[in-house]
Amino acid sequence: MTNKWIQQKIGDSFEVTNGKTNTDDAVVDGAYPLFDRSTEIKHSNKYLFDTEAIIIPGEGKEFIPQYYFGKFDLHQRAYAIFSKKKNQISIKFLYYWIDYNKRYFLKMAVGSTVKSLRLYMLQNFPLSLPRYEGQKKIVEILSSIDEAIQKTDQIIQKTESLKQGLMRELLTKGIGHKKFKKTKIGDIPEEWSVSSMLESDIEIIDGDRGVNYPKQHEFYSEGFCLFLSNRNIRNDSFDFSEPIFISQEKDKQLRKGKLNRWDVILTTRGTVGNVAIYDDSIIYDHIRINSGMLIFRAGKSIAPEFLYYLLKSPLFKERYIQLGSGSAQPQLPIGSLKNLLIPILPQDEQLKIVCQLKTLDLKHYSEIKQIAILKDLKNGLMQDIFSQKVQIN
């Protein structure tokens, strides 16, 4: 018996059809999922299909497949793929095959502003099929990793929810206090006080926006001083996967905006409210902010890590949304930030709060690392399986 995979097209063995429903037909509490062009699943009071299927958005920047088994509604610009030959070809196998080869859609999609897929493009999607028993084994392997990813993701969501609640509690109620007083920022311990950023010993520094601000041709893939962009600060931490640099000469020409160790950085334009801290774990000795960021430099009365947690807390995230609304491109004016009120508390209590929050952060980062390992494992297995480097019989 040969292990050779059969070459065909999706349309040879699967039905491909689009839906009939409009986005306006979605209801909040509908009994059935409504799949449209987005990754967010909406709901409907009716269903068009009752089957095992793969759903592909017909328009968008990405064409991410979704697997579903049951009754569902479908938007007129989305496609459903389901089997013609029951028990001969695994729909779940096809889902993994499409997910692995989804770059095909980006090559085939038409349109200049909004990319779209045509029905024939899905019908002509190249497909390699092992024997049915092999399909089932491949699905078992990849599904087991998906289940582990899903469980880890659920743990991450719980940890994040716990962390957000703990931040809100610790940054307003502190540790071990019994008596509280009313203030402009809510009830806080009697021993605490309230101050504006301006009146505190926190220094707020913006970047150099003068004539010497680097031009596009003055950025390099490596160099003396790392020059931050918004893509370097994501999820309240640094991301140096796409660093850009300026020369030592250009660095000397700029006046403001250079980081000291333990400075806290806040993004103030575009994607506002992302926070990072320049602690000893960062390998770069010379870093500058761009014009859409601010440096918060803690004075003697405030622990830098406490300031970091304060600026990324739900209390402050809510204020960033309020301050940044009302314009086409959200911005956080430095004047408004200086007037924000913050709790003032003894530094030893600040450090105790930091210790508790760092413990949860370490747990959170460990879980994120674990999910990344699982995703890398899955991608590697898919590469080996679908290139037939590894034979699954």
Foldseek 3Di string as FASTA:
>chain_A
DDQFWDKDALLVWKDKAAFDDDPVQFDQPAPAWEDEQDPDITHHVAFDDQAWWWKWAFKADFTQIDTDHGTHHYHRRMMIIDGPDPPFADRLLVNLVCRLVRVLQVVPFDDDPMTGDDRVSRRGHMDIGGGSVLSVVVSVVLVVLVVVLVVLVVVLVVLVVVLLVLLVCCQAEFPPADDWDQDPLGIHGPQKDKDFLQPAQKDKWAWFPDPLADDPVQKDQDEQAWEDDPVQFPPQEGDVPRIIGGYPVSVVVTDTFKDDALKKKFFFKAPGQGIYHRHPVDPHPTYGYHRRMMIIHHDPQERSLLVSSVSNHPSNVVVQCVQQPDDPIGGHDPVVNRGDMGMGDGHVSSVVSSVVSVVSVVVSVVSVVVSVVSVVVSSVVSVCVVVVVDRRD
